[in-house]
């Protein structure tokens, strides 16, 4: 003669008073469902159990998607705030030389890049004393250099923002940082009618900081503000 173990009265009373505790415990519910399936035997198909398994799998996928959406929204907000702070800092200087020095200093730090350089196309060389003083952030190149660099020599019109990974970088673009830069964001700049274009290049040691799969909306906005600021300085 066999007898089934009886649940303790105090535990039974507690479950009756708070059934939600069991319903909200996923591990406990799985154990109850498994026990129910064993009690029915292997020859019975439990459609309700199958439906619950599918609903549970769908819920897990929805939770993963929900977490991914929240993480993406948080990253986008953080990136927006970062670009806004960099723009405000960029607009502070009242002298052009301070503007350029801040570009390679605090602005680069806010954007968390390892190098920031402005390339200006010019028919003149870079022997100008002002260019030499700012050589760590400013470089002068021959006409057509920016388009060739942005398109990797393939021709055509360059995009306003180009994100890519690099293995070997041009010292004329990244300067002394060219030995360790592994990804870059290149912003093609239009300074207005009658002026040669330029390029603002952000470099990162992390090869995954800038990749072609990333969105460019924030950097396009940053490029637009930078263009307008430069036009005022050049005027």
Protein backbone atom coordinates (compact mmCIF):
# COMPACT_ATOMS: atom_id res chain seq x y z
CA UNK A 1 0.00 0.00 0.00
CA UNK A 2 1.43 3.39 -1.00
CA UNK A 3 0.53 6.88 0.02
CA UNK A 4 1.31 10.21 -1.58
CA UNK A 5 3.21 12.75 0.53
CA UNK A 6 0.87 15.36 1.86
CA UNK A 7 1.74 19.03 1.61
CA UNK A 8 2.20 20.77 4.93
CA UNK A 9 -0.89 22.61 6.14
CA UNK A 10 0.95 25.88 6.70
CA UNK A 11 2.46 25.83 3.18
CA UNK A 12 -0.88 24.82 1.66
CA UNK A 13 -2.63 27.69 3.44
CA UNK A 14 0.01 30.15 2.32
CA UNK A 15 -0.33 29.07 -1.33
CA UNK A 16 -4.12 29.42 -1.15
CA UNK A 17 -3.76 32.92 0.28
CA UNK A 18 -1.10 34.01 -2.26
CA UNK A 19 -1.52 32.05 -5.51
CA UNK A 20 0.15 34.85 -7.49
CA UNK A 21 3.48 33.92 -5.92
CA UNK A 22 3.43 30.61 -7.80
CA UNK A 23 2.06 32.04 -11.04
CA UNK A 24 4.82 34.65 -11.18
CA UNK A 25 7.62 32.15 -10.52
CA UNK A 26 8.65 30.76 -13.93
CA UNK A 27 10.81 27.95 -12.57
CA UNK A 28 8.03 26.76 -10.27
CA UNK A 29 5.46 26.85 -13.08
CA UNK A 30 7.76 24.82 -15.33
CA UNK A 31 8.14 22.21 -12.58
CA UNK A 32 4.33 21.98 -12.15
CA UNK A 33 3.77 21.63 -15.90
CA UNK A 34 6.44 18.94 -16.14
CA UNK A 35 4.85 17.05 -13.24
CA UNK A 36 1.46 17.29 -14.93
CA UNK A 37 2.89 15.86 -18.16
CA UNK A 38 4.47 12.94 -16.29
CA UNK A 39 1.16 12.22 -14.56
CA UNK A 40 -0.68 12.06 -17.92
CA UNK A 41 1.80 9.58 -19.40
CA UNK A 42 3.75 9.56 -22.63
CA UNK A 43 0.88 8.54 -24.90
CA UNK A 44 -1.08 11.76 -24.41
CA UNK A 45 -0.30 14.90 -26.36
CA UNK A 46 -0.70 17.96 -24.16
CA UNK A 47 -1.69 20.68 -26.60
CA UNK A 48 -1.99 23.18 -23.82
CA UNK A 49 1.59 22.51 -22.76
CA UNK A 50 2.81 22.90 -26.34
CA UNK A 51 0.94 26.19 -26.66
CA UNK A 52 2.43 27.43 -23.41
CA UNK A 53 5.95 26.51 -24.57
CA UNK A 54 5.43 28.46 -27.77
CA UNK A 55 4.01 31.44 -25.92
CA UNK A 56 6.92 31.35 -23.51
CA UNK A 57 9.43 31.28 -26.39
CA UNK A 58 7.63 34.19 -28.05
CA UNK A 59 7.65 36.14 -24.78
CA UNK A 60 11.40 35.58 -24.42
CA UNK A 61 11.94 36.90 -27.94
CA UNK A 62 9.79 39.94 -27.21
CA UNK A 63 11.72 40.64 -24.01
CA UNK A 64 15.03 40.40 -25.92
CA UNK A 65 13.70 42.79 -28.57
CA UNK A 66 12.45 45.14 -25.88
CA UNK A 67 15.86 45.23 -24.22
CA UNK A 68 17.57 45.80 -27.58
CA UNK A 69 15.25 48.70 -28.43
CA UNK A 70 15.83 50.31 -25.03
CA UNK A 71 19.61 49.89 -25.37
CA UNK A 72 19.57 51.39 -28.89
CA UNK A 73 17.45 54.33 -27.72
CA UNK A 74 19.79 54.95 -24.80
CA UNK A 75 22.86 54.83 -27.07
CA UNK A 76 21.21 57.22 -29.52
CA UNK A 77 20.35 59.66 -26.73
CA UNK A 78 23.85 59.45 -25.31
CA UNK A 79 25.33 60.05 -28.77
CA UNK A 80 23.04 63.03 -29.34
CA UNK A 81 24.06 64.62 -26.04
CA UNK A 82 27.70 63.95 -26.85
CA UNK A 83 27.50 65.70 -30.24
CA UNK A 84 25.56 68.62 -28.76
CA UNK A 85 28.21 69.14 -26.07
CA UNK A 86 30.97 69.01 -28.69
CA UNK A 87 29.19 71.60 -30.84
CA UNK A 88 28.70 73.96 -27.89
CA UNK A 89 32.37 73.67 -27.01
CA UNK A 90 33.33 74.23 -30.64
CA UNK A 91 31.32 77.49 -30.71
CA UNK A 92 32.99 78.96 -27.61
CA UNK A 93 36.31 80.31 -29.02
CA UNK A 94 36.41 83.87 -30.37
CA UNK A 95 39.72 83.41 -32.23
CA UNK A 96 40.37 81.08 -35.14
CA UNK A 97 43.57 79.61 -33.70
CA UNK A 98 41.82 78.80 -30.41
CA UNK A 99 38.97 77.28 -32.38
CA UNK A 100 41.35 74.88 -34.13
CA UNK A 101 43.28 74.01 -30.99
CA UNK A 102 40.06 73.19 -29.15
CA UNK A 103 39.05 71.04 -32.09
CA UNK A 104 41.99 68.74 -31.53
CA UNK A 105 41.69 69.00 -27.74
CA UNK A 106 38.45 69.29 -25.80
CA UNK A 107 36.14 68.68 -28.78
CA UNK A 108 38.02 65.48 -29.62
CA UNK A 109 37.87 64.42 -25.96
CA UNK A 110 34.11 64.98 -25.80
CA UNK A 111 33.62 62.89 -28.95
CA UNK A 112 36.01 60.26 -27.54
CA UNK A 113 38.22 60.08 -30.61
CA UNK A 114 41.98 59.62 -30.61
CA UNK A 115 42.69 62.16 -33.33
CA UNK A 116 40.89 65.05 -34.99
CA UNK A 117 42.36 66.82 -37.99
CA UNK A 118 41.13 69.41 -40.46
CA UNK A 119 42.37 69.07 -44.04
CA UNK A 120 42.05 72.17 -46.21
CA UNK A 121 42.63 72.07 -49.93
CA UNK A 122 44.75 74.93 -51.22
CA UNK A 123 46.90 75.85 -54.19
CA UNK A 124 49.52 77.00 -51.70
CA UNK A 125 51.78 74.71 -49.66
CA UNK A 126 51.73 74.24 -45.89
CA UNK A 127 54.82 76.38 -45.23
CA UNK A 128 52.65 79.14 -43.82
CA UNK A 129 53.73 79.81 -40.20
CA UNK A 130 50.12 79.62 -38.97
CA UNK A 131 49.71 76.19 -40.55
CA UNK A 132 52.97 74.98 -39.05
CA UNK A 133 51.94 76.17 -35.58
CA UNK A 134 48.73 74.15 -35.85
CA UNK A 135 50.25 71.15 -37.58
CA UNK A 136 48.84 68.73 -35.02
CA UNK A 137 45.27 69.59 -36.05
CA UNK A 138 45.52 71.39 -39.41
CA UNK A 139 46.95 70.22 -42.72
CA UNK A 140 46.95 71.68 -46.23
CA UNK A 141 46.57 69.46 -49.29
CA UNK A 142 46.49 69.96 -53.04
CA UNK A 143 43.14 70.47 -54.82
CA UNK A 144 41.26 67.20 -55.29
CA UNK A 145 42.96 65.41 -52.40
CA UNK A 146 39.84 65.13 -50.21
CA UNK A 147 37.67 63.54 -52.93
CA UNK A 148 40.42 61.05 -53.80
CA UNK A 149 40.91 60.11 -50.16
CA UNK A 150 37.19 59.73 -49.44
CA UNK A 151 36.53 57.58 -52.52
CA UNK A 152 39.82 55.66 -52.19
CA UNK A 153 40.76 56.84 -55.67
CA UNK A 154 37.72 55.29 -57.37
CA UNK A 155 36.31 58.64 -58.49
CA UNK A 156 32.74 59.87 -58.22
CA UNK A 157 31.19 62.21 -55.70
CA UNK A 158 32.16 61.53 -52.07
CA UNK A 159 29.51 61.12 -49.39
CA UNK A 160 29.29 63.82 -46.77
CA UNK A 161 30.10 61.28 -44.05
CA UNK A 162 32.27 58.22 -44.62
CA UNK A 163 32.77 55.66 -41.86
CA UNK A 164 35.29 52.89 -42.35
CA UNK A 165 37.95 50.70 -40.82
CA UNK A 166 41.54 51.29 -41.89
CA UNK A 167 44.76 49.30 -41.67
CA UNK A 168 47.26 51.81 -42.99
CA UNK A 169 46.54 55.53 -42.75
CA UNK A 170 48.07 58.51 -44.51
CA UNK A 171 50.28 60.63 -42.23
CA UNK A 172 49.07 63.69 -44.17
CA UNK A 173 45.58 62.95 -42.79
CA UNK A 174 46.13 61.61 -39.26
CA UNK A 175 49.59 63.03 -38.61
CA UNK A 176 51.55 61.31 -35.84
CA UNK A 177 48.46 59.26 -34.92
CA UNK A 178 48.57 57.44 -38.28
CA UNK A 179 50.57 54.59 -36.73
CA UNK A 180 47.72 53.42 -34.50
CA UNK A 181 44.47 54.69 -36.06
CA UNK A 182 42.30 51.74 -37.10
CA UNK A 183 38.94 53.35 -37.90
CA UNK A 184 37.92 56.79 -39.07
CA UNK A 185 34.99 59.10 -39.69
CA UNK A 186 35.59 61.46 -42.60
CA UNK A 187 33.36 64.53 -42.97
CA UNK A 188 33.44 66.15 -46.40
CA UNK A 189 33.14 69.92 -46.05
CA UNK A 190 31.72 72.48 -48.47
CA UNK A 191 32.88 76.01 -47.64
CA UNK A 192 30.72 77.74 -50.21
CA UNK A 193 30.98 79.07 -53.73
CA UNK A 194 34.47 79.99 -54.89
CA UNK A 195 36.24 78.05 -52.13
CA UNK A 196 37.96 74.70 -52.30
CA UNK A 197 36.46 71.93 -50.15
CA UNK A 198 37.93 70.46 -47.01
CA UNK A 199 37.67 67.42 -44.81
CA UNK A 200 37.39 66.85 -41.07
CA UNK A 201 38.74 63.46 -40.05
CA UNK A 202 38.14 61.75 -36.71
CA UNK A 203 40.35 58.77 -35.99
CA UNK A 204 40.03 56.01 -33.41
CA UNK A 205 42.38 53.31 -32.23
CA UNK A 206 39.39 50.99 -31.81
CA UNK A 207 38.72 49.33 -35.20
CA UNK A 208 35.02 49.03 -34.33
CA UNK A 209 34.36 52.64 -33.29
CA UNK A 210 33.57 53.68 -36.87
CA UNK A 211 32.13 51.12 -39.30
CA UNK A 212 30.06 51.46 -42.50
CA UNK A 213 27.04 49.82 -40.80
CA UNK A 214 26.60 52.69 -38.33
CA UNK A 215 24.16 55.57 -38.79
CA UNK A 216 25.53 58.94 -39.86
CA UNK A 217 22.73 61.35 -38.88
CA UNK A 218 24.54 62.87 -35.90
CA UNK A 219 27.83 63.27 -37.75
CA UNK A 220 26.00 64.80 -40.72
CA UNK A 221 24.52 67.36 -38.33
CA UNK A 222 27.95 67.99 -36.81
CA UNK A 223 29.43 68.46 -40.29
CA UNK A 224 26.72 70.98 -41.18
CA UNK A 225 27.44 73.06 -38.07
CA UNK A 226 31.19 72.86 -38.67
CA UNK A 227 30.80 74.01 -42.28
CA UNK A 228 28.81 77.07 -41.26
CA UNK A 229 31.28 77.90 -38.52
CA UNK A 230 34.22 77.64 -40.91
CA UNK A 231 32.50 79.83 -43.49
CA UNK A 232 32.31 82.63 -40.94
CA UNK A 233 35.98 82.23 -40.05
CA UNK A 234 37.02 82.14 -43.71
CA UNK A 235 34.97 85.23 -44.45
